[in-house]
PDB file of all heavy atoms in Angstrom:
ATOM      1  N   PHE A   1     112.289  75.952  66.944  1.00  0.00           N
ATOM      2  CA  PHE A   1     111.456  77.089  67.328  1.00  0.00           C
ATOM      3  C   PHE A   1     110.281  76.580  68.154  1.00  0.00           C
ATOM      4  O   PHE A   1     109.901  75.421  68.079  1.00  0.00           O
ATOM      5  CB  PHE A   1     110.997  77.891  66.106  1.00  0.00           C
ATOM      6  CG  PHE A   1     109.867  77.278  65.326  1.00  0.00           C
ATOM      7  CD1 PHE A   1     108.555  77.699  65.540  1.00  0.00           C
ATOM      8  CD2 PHE A   1     110.095  76.302  64.370  1.00  0.00           C
ATOM      9  CE1 PHE A   1     107.505  77.148  64.823  1.00  0.00           C
ATOM     10  CE2 PHE A   1     109.059  75.753  63.646  1.00  0.00           C
ATOM     11  CZ  PHE A   1     107.759  76.173  63.875  1.00  0.00           C
ATOM     12  N   ASP A   2     109.754  77.476  68.974  1.00  0.00           N
ATOM     13  CA  ASP A   2     108.653  77.122  69.863  1.00  0.00           C
ATOM     14  C   ASP A   2     107.511  78.101  69.602  1.00  0.00           C
ATOM     15  O   ASP A   2     107.706  79.143  68.959  1.00  0.00           O
ATOM     16  CB  ASP A   2     109.117  77.227  71.326  1.00  0.00           C
ATOM     17  CG  ASP A   2     108.334  76.304  72.260  1.00  0.00           C
ATOM     18  OD1 ASP A   2     107.221  75.897  71.883  1.00  0.00           O
ATOM     19  OD2 ASP A   2     108.844  76.013  73.357  1.00  0.00           O
ATOM     20  N   ILE A   3     106.337  77.766  70.092  1.00  0.00           N
ATOM     21  CA  ILE A   3     105.194  78.682  70.003  1.00  0.00           C
ATOM     22  C   ILE A   3     104.726  78.983  71.418  1.00  0.00           C
ATOM     23  O   ILE A   3     104.467  78.067  72.202  1.00  0.00           O
ATOM     24  CB  ILE A   3     104.043  78.084  69.161  1.00  0.00           C
ATOM     25  CG1 ILE A   3     104.482  77.966  67.690  1.00  0.00           C
ATOM     26  CG2 ILE A   3     102.788  78.956  69.270  1.00  0.00           C
ATOM     27  CD1 ILE A   3     103.473  77.264  66.794  1.00  0.00           C
ATOM     28  N   GLU A   4     104.653  80.273  71.720  1.00  0.00           N
ATOM     29  CA  GLU A   4     104.204  80.728  73.036  1.00  0.00           C
ATOM     30  C   GLU A   4     102.731  81.118  72.930  1.00  0.00           C
ATOM     31  O   GLU A   4     102.363  81.892  72.052  1.00  0.00           O
ATOM     32  CB  GLU A   4     105.052  81.934  73.446  1.00  0.00           C
ATOM     33  CG  GLU A   4     104.874  82.384  74.868  1.00  0.00           C
ATOM     34  CD  GLU A   4     105.837  83.520  75.184  1.00  0.00           C
ATOM     35  OE1 GLU A   4     107.007  83.219  75.508  1.00  0.00           O
ATOM     36  OE2 GLU A   4     105.434  84.700  75.077  1.00  0.00           O
ATOM     37  N   VAL A   5     101.909  80.571  73.801  1.00  0.00           N
ATOM     38  CA  VAL A   5     100.470  80.880  73.838  1.00  0.00           C
ATOM     39  C   VAL A   5     100.244  81.883  74.964  1.00  0.00           C
ATOM     40  O   VAL A   5     100.700  81.669  76.089  1.00  0.00           O
ATOM     41  CB  VAL A   5      99.631  79.609  74.077  1.00  0.00           C
ATOM     42  CG1 VAL A   5      98.140  79.933  74.027  1.00  0.00           C
ATOM     43  CG2 VAL A   5      99.981  78.537  73.054  1.00  0.00           C
ATOM     44  N   ASN A   6      99.571  82.989  74.663  1.00  0.00           N
ATOM     45  CA  ASN A   6      99.379  84.073  75.630  1.00  0.00           C
ATOM     46  C   ASN A   6      97.903  84.418  75.822  1.00  0.00           C
ATOM     47  O   ASN A   6      97.119  84.376  74.870  1.00  0.00           O
ATOM     48  CB  ASN A   6     100.072  85.358  75.145  1.00  0.00           C
ATOM     49  CG  ASN A   6     101.574  85.212  75.058  1.00  0.00           C
ATOM     50  OD1 ASN A   6     102.290  85.560  75.982  1.00  0.00           O
ATOM     51  ND2 ASN A   6     102.062  84.698  73.926  1.00  0.00           N
ATOM     52  N   ALA A   7      97.555  84.806  77.047  1.00  0.00           N
ATOM     53  CA  ALA A   7      96.219  85.350  77.340  1.00  0.00           C
ATOM     54  C   ALA A   7      96.397  86.422  78.404  1.00  0.00           C
ATOM     55  O   ALA A   7      97.065  86.200  79.415  1.00  0.00           O
ATOM     56  CB  ALA A   7      95.288  84.254  77.844  1.00  0.00           C
ATOM     57  N   SER A   8      95.821  87.589  78.162  1.00  0.00           N
ATOM     58  CA  SER A   8      96.005  88.702  79.100  1.00  0.00           C
ATOM     59  C   SER A   8      94.753  89.569  79.135  1.00  0.00           C
ATOM     60  O   SER A   8      94.115  89.790  78.105  1.00  0.00           O
ATOM     61  CB  SER A   8      97.189  89.561  78.648  1.00  0.00           C
ATOM     62  OG  SER A   8      97.238  90.771  79.388  1.00  0.00           O
ATOM     63  N   PRO A   9      94.404  90.094  80.316  1.00  0.00           N
ATOM     64  CA  PRO A   9      93.353  91.117  80.351  1.00  0.00           C
ATOM     65  C   PRO A   9      93.812  92.330  79.551  1.00  0.00           C
ATOM     66  O   PRO A   9      95.019  92.561  79.422  1.00  0.00           O
ATOM     67  CB  PRO A   9      93.240  91.478  81.845  1.00  0.00           C
ATOM     68  CG  PRO A   9      94.079  90.502  82.589  1.00  0.00           C
ATOM     69  CD  PRO A   9      95.034  89.894  81.629  1.00  0.00           C
ATOM     70  N   ILE A  10      92.886  93.110  78.997  1.00  0.00           N
ATOM     71  CA  ILE A  10      93.281  94.323  78.275  1.00  0.00           C
ATOM     72  C   ILE A  10      93.081  95.569  79.141  1.00  0.00           C
ATOM     73  O   ILE A  10      93.612  96.628  78.840  1.00  0.00           O
ATOM     74  CB  ILE A  10      92.547  94.475  76.921  1.00  0.00           C
ATOM     75  CG1 ILE A  10      91.025  94.554  77.097  1.00  0.00           C
ATOM     76  CG2 ILE A  10      92.925  93.339  75.999  1.00  0.00           C
ATOM     77  CD1 ILE A  10      90.277  94.855  75.805  1.00  0.00           C
ATOM     78  N   LEU A  11      92.300  95.423  80.208  1.00  0.00           N
ATOM     79  CA  LEU A  11      92.137  96.507  81.180  1.00  0.00           C
ATOM     80  C   LEU A  11      92.162  95.909  82.583  1.00  0.00           C
ATOM     81  O   LEU A  11      91.654  94.814  82.793  1.00  0.00           O
ATOM     82  CB  LEU A  11      90.801  97.243  80.983  1.00  0.00           C
ATOM     83  CG  LEU A  11      90.687  98.283  79.870  1.00  0.00           C
ATOM     84  CD1 LEU A  11      89.262  98.815  79.814  1.00  0.00           C
ATOM     85  CD2 LEU A  11      91.668  99.431  80.047  1.00  0.00           C
ATOM     86  N   ALA A  12      92.749  96.646  83.498  1.00  0.00           N
ATOM     87  CA  ALA A  12      92.783  96.183  84.894  1.00  0.00           C
ATOM     88  C   ALA A  12      91.665  96.816  85.713  1.00  0.00           C
ATOM     89  O   ALA A  12      91.560  96.581  86.919  1.00  0.00           O
ATOM     90  CB  ALA A  12      94.134  96.531  85.512  1.00  0.00           C
ATOM     91  N   ALA A  13      90.845  97.636  85.057  1.00  0.00           N
ATOM     92  CA  ALA A  13      89.867  98.460  85.769  1.00  0.00           C
ATOM     93  C   ALA A  13      88.970  97.648  86.707  1.00  0.00           C
ATOM     94  O   ALA A  13      88.843  97.968  87.893  1.00  0.00           O
ATOM     95  CB  ALA A  13      89.014  99.231  84.768  1.00  0.00           C
ATOM     96  N   GLU A  14      88.361  96.587  86.186  1.00  0.00           N
ATOM     97  CA  GLU A  14      87.399  95.827  86.990  1.00  0.00           C
ATOM     98  C   GLU A  14      88.099  95.104  88.138  1.00  0.00           C
ATOM     99  O   GLU A  14      87.588  95.048  89.256  1.00  0.00           O
ATOM    100  CB  GLU A  14      86.637  94.835  86.098  1.00  0.00           C
ATOM    101  CG  GLU A  14      85.493  94.112  86.804  1.00  0.00           C
ATOM    102  CD  GLU A  14      84.536  95.057  87.541  1.00  0.00           C
ATOM    103  OE1 GLU A  14      84.202  96.127  86.986  1.00  0.00           O
ATOM    104  OE2 GLU A  14      84.155  94.731  88.691  1.00  0.00           O
ATOM    105  N   THR A  15      89.285  94.560  87.857  1.00  0.00           N
ATOM    106  CA  THR A  15      90.071  93.865  88.892  1.00  0.00           C
ATOM    107  C   THR A  15      90.411  94.814  90.031  1.00  0.00           C
ATOM    108  O   THR A  15      90.239  94.484  91.210  1.00  0.00           O
ATOM    109  CB  THR A  15      91.363  93.305  88.265  1.00  0.00           C
ATOM    110  OG1 THR A  15      91.000  92.358  87.270  1.00  0.00           O
ATOM    111  CG2 THR A  15      92.223  92.623  89.310  1.00  0.00           C
ATOM    112  N   LEU A  16      90.909  96.008  89.703  1.00  0.00           N
ATOM    113  CA  LEU A  16      91.286  96.975  90.738  1.00  0.00           C
ATOM    114  C   LEU A  16      90.047  97.494  91.473  1.00  0.00           C
ATOM    115  O   LEU A  16      90.070  97.684  92.691  1.00  0.00           O
ATOM    116  CB  LEU A  16      92.070  98.138  90.118  1.00  0.00           C
ATOM    117  CG  LEU A  16      93.483  97.784  89.629  1.00  0.00           C
ATOM    118  CD1 LEU A  16      94.098  98.952  88.864  1.00  0.00           C
ATOM    119  CD2 LEU A  16      94.389  97.394  90.793  1.00  0.00           C
ATOM    120  N   ARG A  17      88.967  97.700  90.737  1.00  0.00           N
ATOM    121  CA  ARG A  17      87.734  98.203  91.363  1.00  0.00           C
ATOM    122  C   ARG A  17      87.206  97.192  92.385  1.00  0.00           C
ATOM    123  O   ARG A  17      86.859  97.546  93.505  1.00  0.00           O
ATOM    124  CB  ARG A  17      86.678  98.455  90.277  1.00  0.00           C
ATOM    125  CG  ARG A  17      85.473  99.263  90.744  1.00  0.00           C
ATOM    126  CD  ARG A  17      84.490  99.482  89.602  1.00  0.00           C
ATOM    127  NE  ARG A  17      85.037 100.330  88.560  1.00  0.00           N
ATOM    128  CZ  ARG A  17      85.135  99.991  87.279  1.00  0.00           C
ATOM    129  NH1 ARG A  17      84.731  98.798  86.880  1.00  0.00           N
ATOM    130  NH2 ARG A  17      85.638 100.819  86.395  1.00  0.00           N
ATOM    131  N   ARG A  18      87.224  95.926  91.981  1.00  0.00           N
ATOM    132  CA  ARG A  18      86.640  94.877  92.835  1.00  0.00           C
ATOM    133  C   ARG A  18      87.559  94.517  94.010  1.00  0.00           C
ATOM    134  O   ARG A  18      87.105  94.367  95.135  1.00  0.00           O
ATOM    135  CB  ARG A  18      86.371  93.635  91.972  1.00  0.00           C
ATOM    136  CG  ARG A  18      85.688  92.496  92.698  1.00  0.00           C
ATOM    137  CD  ARG A  18      85.379  91.335  91.765  1.00  0.00           C
ATOM    138  NE  ARG A  18      86.563  90.759  91.160  1.00  0.00           N
ATOM    139  CZ  ARG A  18      86.872  90.853  89.869  1.00  0.00           C
ATOM    140  NH1 ARG A  18      86.084  91.501  89.033  1.00  0.00           N
ATOM    141  NH2 ARG A  18      87.969  90.304  89.385  1.00  0.00           N
ATOM    142  N   ASN A  19      88.864  94.379  93.736  1.00  0.00           N
ATOM    143  CA  ASN A  19      89.787  93.844  94.749  1.00  0.00           C
ATOM    144  C   ASN A  19      90.485  94.905  95.589  1.00  0.00           C
ATOM    145  O   ASN A  19      91.037  94.579  96.643  1.00  0.00           O
ATOM    146  CB  ASN A  19      90.865  92.975  94.084  1.00  0.00           C
ATOM    147  CG  ASN A  19      90.284  91.749  93.417  1.00  0.00           C
ATOM    148  OD1 ASN A  19      89.280  91.225  93.870  1.00  0.00           O
ATOM    149  ND2 ASN A  19      90.890  91.317  92.342  1.00  0.00           N
ATOM    150  N   LEU A  20      90.494  96.157  95.105  1.00  0.00           N
ATOM    151  CA  LEU A  20      91.252  97.182  95.818  1.00  0.00           C
ATOM    152  C   LEU A  20      90.374  98.345  96.265  1.00  0.00           C
ATOM    153  O   LEU A  20      90.104  98.520  97.456  1.00  0.00           O
ATOM    154  CB  LEU A  20      92.407  97.680  94.940  1.00  0.00           C
ATOM    155  CG  LEU A  20      93.263  98.811  95.521  1.00  0.00           C
ATOM    156  CD1 LEU A  20      93.908  98.407  96.840  1.00  0.00           C
ATOM    157  CD2 LEU A  20      94.330  99.239  94.508  1.00  0.00           C
ATOM    158  N   TRP A  21      89.899  99.137  95.301  1.00  0.00           N
ATOM    159  CA  TRP A  21      89.196 100.374  95.675  1.00  0.00           C
ATOM    160  C   TRP A  21      87.971 100.101  96.545  1.00  0.00           C
ATOM    161  O   TRP A  21      87.735 100.825  97.520  1.00  0.00           O
ATOM    162  CB  TRP A  21      88.773 101.171  94.436  1.00  0.00           C
ATOM    163  CG  TRP A  21      89.812 101.333  93.374  1.00  0.00           C
ATOM    164  CD1 TRP A  21      89.669 101.052  92.043  1.00  0.00           C
ATOM    165  CD2 TRP A  21      91.155 101.831  93.518  1.00  0.00           C
ATOM    166  NE1 TRP A  21      90.815 101.322  91.362  1.00  0.00           N
ATOM    167  CE2 TRP A  21      91.755 101.812  92.240  1.00  0.00           C
ATOM    168  CE3 TRP A  21      91.911 102.279  94.602  1.00  0.00           C
ATOM    169  CZ2 TRP A  21      93.062 102.229  92.014  1.00  0.00           C
ATOM    170  CZ3 TRP A  21      93.220 102.695  94.381  1.00  0.00           C
ATOM    171  CH2 TRP A  21      93.779 102.669  93.112  1.00  0.00           C
ATOM    172  N   SER A  22      87.198  99.063  96.191  1.00  0.00           N
ATOM    173  CA  SER A  22      85.946  98.805  96.919  1.00  0.00           C
ATOM    174  C   SER A  22      86.174  98.201  98.297  1.00  0.00           C
ATOM    175  O   SER A  22      85.287  98.238  99.143  1.00  0.00           O
ATOM    176  CB  SER A  22      85.051  97.848  96.112  1.00  0.00           C
ATOM    177  OG  SER A  22      84.702  98.461  94.898  1.00  0.00           O
ATOM    178  N   VAL A  23      87.369  97.619  98.516  1.00  0.00           N
ATOM    179  CA  VAL A  23      87.626  96.896  99.759  1.00  0.00           C
ATOM    180  C   VAL A  23      88.441  97.720 100.750  1.00  0.00           C
ATOM    181  O   VAL A  23      88.213  97.672 101.954  1.00  0.00           O
ATOM    182  CB  VAL A  23      88.382  95.568  99.450  1.00  0.00           C
ATOM    183  CG1 VAL A  23      88.478  94.715 100.702  1.00  0.00           C
ATOM    184  CG2 VAL A  23      87.700  94.802  98.336  1.00  0.00           C
ATOM    185  N   ALA A  24      89.397  98.498 100.240  1.00  0.00           N
ATOM    186  CA  ALA A  24      90.341  99.210 101.111  1.00  0.00           C
ATOM    187  C   ALA A  24      89.641 100.219 102.009  1.00  0.00           C
ATOM    188  O   ALA A  24      88.614 100.798 101.639  1.00  0.00           O
ATOM    189  CB  ALA A  24      91.378  99.932 100.262  1.00  0.00           C
ATOM    190  N   TYR A  25      90.231 100.447 103.187  1.00  0.00           N
ATOM    191  CA  TYR A  25      89.739 101.514 104.072  1.00  0.00           C
ATOM    192  C   TYR A  25      89.855 102.852 103.346  1.00  0.00           C
ATOM    193  O   TYR A  25      88.938 103.673 103.381  1.00  0.00           O
ATOM    194  CB  TYR A  25      90.558 101.526 105.365  1.00  0.00           C
ATOM    195  CG  TYR A  25      90.183 102.672 106.286  1.00  0.00           C
ATOM    196  CD1 TYR A  25      89.047 102.591 107.093  1.00  0.00           C
ATOM    197  CD2 TYR A  25      90.947 103.838 106.333  1.00  0.00           C
ATOM    198  CE1 TYR A  25      88.684 103.645 107.927  1.00  0.00           C
ATOM    199  CE2 TYR A  25      90.599 104.897 107.160  1.00  0.00           C
ATOM    200  CZ  TYR A  25      89.466 104.797 107.961  1.00  0.00           C
ATOM    201  OH  TYR A  25      89.107 105.845 108.778  1.00  0.00           O
ATOM    202  N   GLY A  26      90.978 103.070 102.680  1.00  0.00           N
ATOM    203  CA  GLY A  26      91.174 104.294 101.912  1.00  0.00           C
ATOM    204  C   GLY A  26      92.408 104.165 101.051  1.00  0.00           C
ATOM    205  O   GLY A  26      93.265 103.313 101.308  1.00  0.00           O
ATOM    206  N   ALA A  27      92.528 104.980  99.992  1.00  0.00           N
ATOM    207  CA  ALA A  27      93.680 104.871  99.096  1.00  0.00           C
ATOM    208  C   ALA A  27      93.991 106.203  98.434  1.00  0.00           C
ATOM    209  O   ALA A  27      93.087 106.960  98.066  1.00  0.00           O
ATOM    210  CB  ALA A  27      93.428 103.804  98.030  1.00  0.00           C
ATOM    211  N   LEU A  28      95.287 106.453  98.290  1.00  0.00           N
ATOM    212  CA  LEU A  28      95.785 107.602  97.527  1.00  0.00           C
ATOM    213  C   LEU A  28      96.638 107.064  96.385  1.00  0.00           C
ATOM    214  O   LEU A  28      97.463 106.172  96.577  1.00  0.00           O
ATOM    215  CB  LEU A  28      96.656 108.504  98.417  1.00  0.00           C
ATOM    216  CG  LEU A  28      97.634 109.455  97.702  1.00  0.00           C
ATOM    217  CD1 LEU A  28      96.888 110.569  96.972  1.00  0.00           C
ATOM    218  CD2 LEU A  28      98.646 110.045  98.674  1.00  0.00           C
TER     219      LEU A  28
END
């Protein structure tokens, strides 16, 4: 048997706000 170590964001809100919504010319 093996042990898998995981790490994940619980919300994408800040990532999308910073990298997409704030940068894009426009989005739908």
